[in-house]
C-alpha atoms as a PDB file:
ATOM      1  CA  MET A   1    -133.798-164.842 -23.882  1.00  0.00           C
ATOM      2  CA  MET A   2    -133.289-165.212 -20.063  1.00  0.00           C
ATOM      3  CA  ARG A   3    -131.647-164.192 -17.498  1.00  0.00           C
ATOM      4  CA  ILE A   4    -129.205-166.596 -14.925  1.00  0.00           C
ATOM      5  CA  LEU A   5    -128.024-165.870 -11.935  1.00  0.00           C
ATOM      6  CA  GLY A   6    -124.300-167.390 -10.603  1.00  0.00           C
ATOM      7  CA  LEU A   7    -123.729-168.479  -7.262  1.00  0.00           C
ATOM      8  CA  ASP A   8    -120.234-168.632  -5.957  1.00  0.00           C
ATOM      9  CA  TYR A   9    -121.002-170.213  -2.560  1.00  0.00           C
ATOM     10  CA  GLY A  10    -118.582-169.651   0.348  1.00  0.00           C
ATOM     11  CA  SER A  11    -118.159-170.024   3.857  1.00  0.00           C
ATOM     12  CA  VAL A  12    -119.218-166.853   4.571  1.00  0.00           C
ATOM     13  CA  THR A  13    -120.695-164.979   1.636  1.00  0.00           C
ATOM     14  CA  VAL A  14    -122.273-165.967  -1.449  1.00  0.00           C
ATOM     15  CA  GLY A  15    -120.631-164.360  -4.720  1.00  0.00           C
ATOM     16  CA  VAL A  16    -123.446-162.815  -7.548  1.00  0.00           C
ATOM     17  CA  ALA A  17    -122.852-162.847 -11.146  1.00  0.00           C
ATOM     18  CA  VAL A  18    -126.033-162.563 -13.277  1.00  0.00           C
ATOM     19  CA  SER A  19    -126.374-162.550 -16.873  1.00  0.00           C
ATOM     20  CA  ASP A  20    -127.963-159.565 -19.233  1.00  0.00           C
ATOM     21  CA  ALA A  21    -131.231-159.721 -20.573  1.00  0.00           C
ATOM     22  CA  LEU A  22    -130.098-160.637 -24.035  1.00  0.00           C
ATOM     23  CA  GLY A  23    -127.875-163.915 -22.506  1.00  0.00           C
ATOM     24  CA  LEU A  24    -124.613-162.769 -24.400  1.00  0.00           C
ATOM     25  CA  GLY A  25    -122.482-162.644 -20.268  1.00  0.00           C
ATOM     26  CA  ALA A  26    -122.427-161.815 -17.271  1.00  0.00           C
ATOM     27  CA  GLN A  27    -121.287-159.009 -14.750  1.00  0.00           C
ATOM     28  CA  PRO A  28    -120.805-158.854 -11.062  1.00  0.00           C
ATOM     29  CA  VAL A  29    -123.279-157.895  -8.671  1.00  0.00           C
ATOM     30  CA  MET A  30    -122.505-157.870  -5.284  1.00  0.00           C
ATOM     31  CA  THR A  31    -121.198-160.248  -2.366  1.00  0.00           C
ATOM     32  CA  ILE A  32    -123.516-161.259   0.029  1.00  0.00           C
ATOM     33  CA  ARG A  33    -121.800-162.192   3.545  1.00  0.00           C
ATOM     34  CA  ARG A  34    -123.142-164.042   6.812  1.00  0.00           C
ATOM     35  CA  SER A  35    -121.690-163.701  10.174  1.00  0.00           C
ATOM     36  CA  GLU A  36    -121.303-167.637  10.328  1.00  0.00           C
ATOM     37  CA  GLU A  37    -121.507-170.239   7.420  1.00  0.00           C
ATOM     38  CA  ASN A  38    -124.818-171.924   8.749  1.00  0.00           C
ATOM     39  CA  LYS A  39    -126.773-168.569   9.144  1.00  0.00           C
ATOM     40  CA  LEU A  40    -128.100-168.493   5.816  1.00  0.00           C
ATOM     41  CA  ARG A  41    -131.962-167.240   6.422  1.00  0.00           C
ATOM     42  CA  ARG A  42    -130.645-163.875   5.121  1.00  0.00           C
ATOM     43  CA  THR A  43    -128.707-165.056   2.494  1.00  0.00           C
ATOM     44  CA  LEU A  44    -131.727-167.046   1.473  1.00  0.00           C
ATOM     45  CA  ALA A  45    -134.000-164.083   1.187  1.00  0.00           C
ATOM     46  CA  GLN A  46    -131.233-162.329  -0.413  1.00  0.00           C
ATOM     47  CA  ILE A  47    -130.555-164.532  -3.483  1.00  0.00           C
ATOM     48  CA  ALA A  48    -134.787-165.032  -3.535  1.00  0.00           C
ATOM     49  CA  GLU A  49    -134.765-161.092  -3.805  1.00  0.00           C
ATOM     50  CA  LEU A  50    -132.622-161.236  -6.664  1.00  0.00           C
ATOM     51  CA  VAL A  51    -134.317-163.728  -7.969  1.00  0.00           C
ATOM     52  CA  GLY A  52    -137.289-161.866  -8.770  1.00  0.00           C
ATOM     53  CA  SER A  53    -135.351-158.054  -8.923  1.00  0.00           C
ATOM     54  CA  TYR A  54    -133.959-159.808 -11.519  1.00  0.00           C
ATOM     55  CA  SER A  55    -136.882-161.492 -12.921  1.00  0.00           C
ATOM     56  CA  ALA A  56    -133.664-164.853 -13.214  1.00  0.00           C
ATOM     57  CA  GLU A  57    -135.183-168.097 -14.783  1.00  0.00           C
ATOM     58  CA  LEU A  58    -132.032-170.497 -13.649  1.00  0.00           C
ATOM     59  CA  ILE A  59    -129.466-170.380 -10.644  1.00  0.00           C
ATOM     60  CA  VAL A  60    -126.119-171.728 -11.682  1.00  0.00           C
ATOM     61  CA  LEU A  61    -124.429-172.927  -8.355  1.00  0.00           C
ATOM     62  CA  GLY A  62    -120.552-173.440  -7.963  1.00  0.00           C
ATOM     63  CA  LEU A  63    -120.312-176.669  -6.661  1.00  0.00           C
ATOM     64  CA  PRO A  64    -116.136-176.643  -5.780  1.00  0.00           C
ATOM     65  CA  ARG A  65    -114.931-179.894  -7.000  1.00  0.00           C
ATOM     66  CA  ASN A  66    -111.373-181.342  -5.479  1.00  0.00           C
ATOM     67  CA  MET A  67    -109.180-181.244  -9.109  1.00  0.00           C
ATOM     68  CA  ASP A  68    -109.315-184.846  -9.278  1.00  0.00           C
ATOM     69  CA  ASP A  69    -112.886-185.010  -9.144  1.00  0.00           C
ATOM     70  CA  SER A  70    -113.966-185.859  -6.317  1.00  0.00           C
ATOM     71  CA  CYS A  71    -116.438-183.825  -3.724  1.00  0.00           C
ATOM     72  CA  GLY A  72    -114.340-182.868  -0.161  1.00  0.00           C
ATOM     73  CA  GLU A  73    -116.055-180.745   2.732  1.00  0.00           C
ATOM     74  CA  ARG A  74    -117.070-178.031   0.664  1.00  0.00           C
ATOM     75  CA  ALA A  75    -118.929-179.875  -2.046  1.00  0.00           C
ATOM     76  CA  ARG A  76    -120.628-181.287   0.356  1.00  0.00           C
ATOM     77  CA  ARG A  77    -121.834-177.925   2.217  1.00  0.00           C
ATOM     78  CA  THR A  78    -122.790-176.971  -1.059  1.00  0.00           C
ATOM     79  CA  LEU A  79    -124.834-179.213  -2.054  1.00  0.00           C
ATOM     80  CA  GLU A  80    -126.461-178.666   1.225  1.00  0.00           C
ATOM     81  CA  PHE A  81    -127.009-175.109   0.613  1.00  0.00           C
ATOM     82  CA  LYS A  82    -128.446-176.135  -2.597  1.00  0.00           C
ATOM     83  CA  GLU A  83    -131.286-178.199  -1.719  1.00  0.00           C
ATOM     84  CA  LYS A  84    -131.710-175.050   0.952  1.00  0.00           C
ATOM     85  CA  LEU A  85    -132.063-172.877  -2.109  1.00  0.00           C
ATOM     86  CA  GLU A  86    -134.254-175.007  -3.509  1.00  0.00           C
ATOM     87  CA  LYS A  87    -136.752-174.774  -0.704  1.00  0.00           C
ATOM     88  CA  ARG A  88    -136.733-170.916  -0.939  1.00  0.00           C
ATOM     89  CA  VAL A  89    -137.021-169.977  -4.964  1.00  0.00           C
ATOM     90  CA  SER A  90    -139.480-171.341  -7.436  1.00  0.00           C
ATOM     91  CA  VAL A  91    -136.416-171.494 -10.262  1.00  0.00           C
ATOM     92  CA  PRO A  92    -134.233-174.185 -11.421  1.00  0.00           C
ATOM     93  CA  VAL A  93    -131.061-174.729  -9.132  1.00  0.00           C
ATOM     94  CA  ILE A  94    -127.833-176.845 -11.109  1.00  0.00           C
ATOM     95  CA  LEU A  95    -124.490-177.334 -10.108  1.00  0.00           C
ATOM     96  CA  TRP A  96    -121.721-176.338 -12.657  1.00  0.00           C
ATOM     97  CA  ASP A  97    -118.185-176.969 -11.904  1.00  0.00           C
ATOM     98  CA  GLU A  98    -115.854-174.070 -10.211  1.00  0.00           C
ATOM     99  CA  ARG A  99    -113.116-175.622 -10.300  1.00  0.00           C
ATOM    100  CA  LEU A 100    -110.592-172.200 -10.687  1.00  0.00           C
ATOM    101  CA  THR A 101    -112.577-169.782 -10.848  1.00  0.00           C
ATOM    102  CA  THR A 102    -110.696-168.306  -7.825  1.00  0.00           C
ATOM    103  CA  ALA A 103    -108.093-168.134  -9.336  1.00  0.00           C
ATOM    104  CA  GLU A 104    -108.731-166.996 -12.136  1.00  0.00           C
ATOM    105  CA  ALA A 105    -110.329-164.276 -10.844  1.00  0.00           C
ATOM    106  CA  ASP A 106    -107.363-163.665  -8.809  1.00  0.00           C
ATOM    107  CA  SER A 107    -105.714-163.622 -11.482  1.00  0.00           C
ATOM    108  CA  ILE A 108    -108.283-161.211 -14.048  1.00  0.00           C
ATOM    109  CA  LEU A 109    -107.764-158.447 -10.568  1.00  0.00           C
ATOM    110  CA  ASP A 110    -104.112-158.504 -11.515  1.00  0.00           C
ATOM    111  CA  GLU A 111    -103.858-157.589 -14.873  1.00  0.00           C
ATOM    112  CA  ALA A 112    -107.015-155.180 -14.151  1.00  0.00           C
ATOM    113  CA  GLY A 113    -103.780-153.908 -11.618  1.00  0.00           C
ATOM    114  CA  TYR A 114    -106.097-154.027  -8.927  1.00  0.00           C
ATOM    115  CA  SER A 115    -105.114-153.853  -4.854  1.00  0.00           C
ATOM    116  CA  ARG A 116    -103.190-156.607  -4.030  1.00  0.00           C
ATOM    117  CA  ASP A 117    -104.811-155.950  -0.701  1.00  0.00           C
ATOM    118  CA  ARG A 118    -106.250-159.155   0.780  1.00  0.00           C
ATOM    119  CA  ASN A 119    -109.434-156.777   2.778  1.00  0.00           C
ATOM    120  CA  GLU A 120    -109.829-155.185  -1.291  1.00  0.00           C
ATOM    121  CA  ARG A 121    -109.520-158.420  -2.725  1.00  0.00           C
ATOM    122  CA  LYS A 122    -112.181-159.777  -1.023  1.00  0.00           C
ATOM    123  CA  LYS A 123    -114.650-157.300  -1.649  1.00  0.00           C
ATOM    124  CA  ILE A 124    -115.059-159.041  -5.467  1.00  0.00           C
ATOM    125  CA  ILE A 125    -113.262-162.306  -5.790  1.00  0.00           C
ATOM    126  CA  ASP A 126    -116.862-163.897  -4.843  1.00  0.00           C
ATOM    127  CA  GLN A 127    -118.025-161.809  -7.894  1.00  0.00           C
ATOM    128  CA  ILE A 128    -115.385-162.130 -10.566  1.00  0.00           C
ATOM    129  CA  ALA A 129    -115.432-165.779  -9.624  1.00  0.00           C
ATOM    130  CA  ALA A 130    -119.841-166.111  -9.832  1.00  0.00           C
ATOM    131  CA  GLN A 131    -119.219-164.466 -13.233  1.00  0.00           C
ATOM    132  CA  LEU A 132    -116.950-167.003 -14.774  1.00  0.00           C
ATOM    133  CA  ILE A 133    -119.499-169.843 -13.022  1.00  0.00           C
ATOM    134  CA  LEU A 134    -121.614-167.743 -15.070  1.00  0.00           C
ATOM    135  CA  GLU A 135    -119.740-167.672 -17.881  1.00  0.00           C
ATOM    136  CA  ASP A 136    -118.294-170.785 -17.970  1.00  0.00           C
ATOM    137  CA  TYR A 137    -122.189-172.206 -18.247  1.00  0.00           C
ATOM    138  CA  MET A 138    -123.586-170.130 -20.419  1.00  0.00           C
ATOM    139  CA  ASN A 139    -120.614-170.405 -22.756  1.00  0.00           C
ATOM    140  CA  ALA A 140    -120.860-174.471 -22.616  1.00  0.00           C
ATOM    141  CA  SER A 141    -125.026-174.524 -22.966  1.00  0.00           C
ATOM    142  CA  GLY A 142    -124.912-172.081 -25.911  1.00  0.00           C
ATOM    143  CA  HIS A 143    -125.696-168.818 -24.189  1.00  0.00           C
ATOM    144  CA  GLY A 144    -122.563-167.469 -24.192  1.00  0.00           C
ATOM    145  CA  ASP A 145    -121.443-165.417 -27.564  1.00  0.00           C
ATOM    146  CA  LYS A 146    -118.292-167.065 -27.066  1.00  0.00           C
END
């Protein structure tokens, strides 16, 4: 089975998740933070390191489409990030519709009884969103167990 990285790209964070070695599930890994949206060099280097350390063969990058299926400013910035990422890593980067994953991640944290404190949630919500993006891709493509 192949290992896959899932990414939830945000204005100053990137949530990261990884599939397990059997390709049956995904778990959150980390949230990469940067001081400004356009300061991507360290972020890209960290993702390249993760690809190597997990021996990932694919990256699934969440694409934040609008509810009417159009692409807005966030989607445009995600596409620019994808181009930069593809120049840094030697594995394919595919886009995956991520609509509502952050809302779903918020709901999961509620169900788990996680603190409602915004600062506490910010530490993990992008990782959970990345996990949901990756699980959705895996299930749709036949990699997951659901």
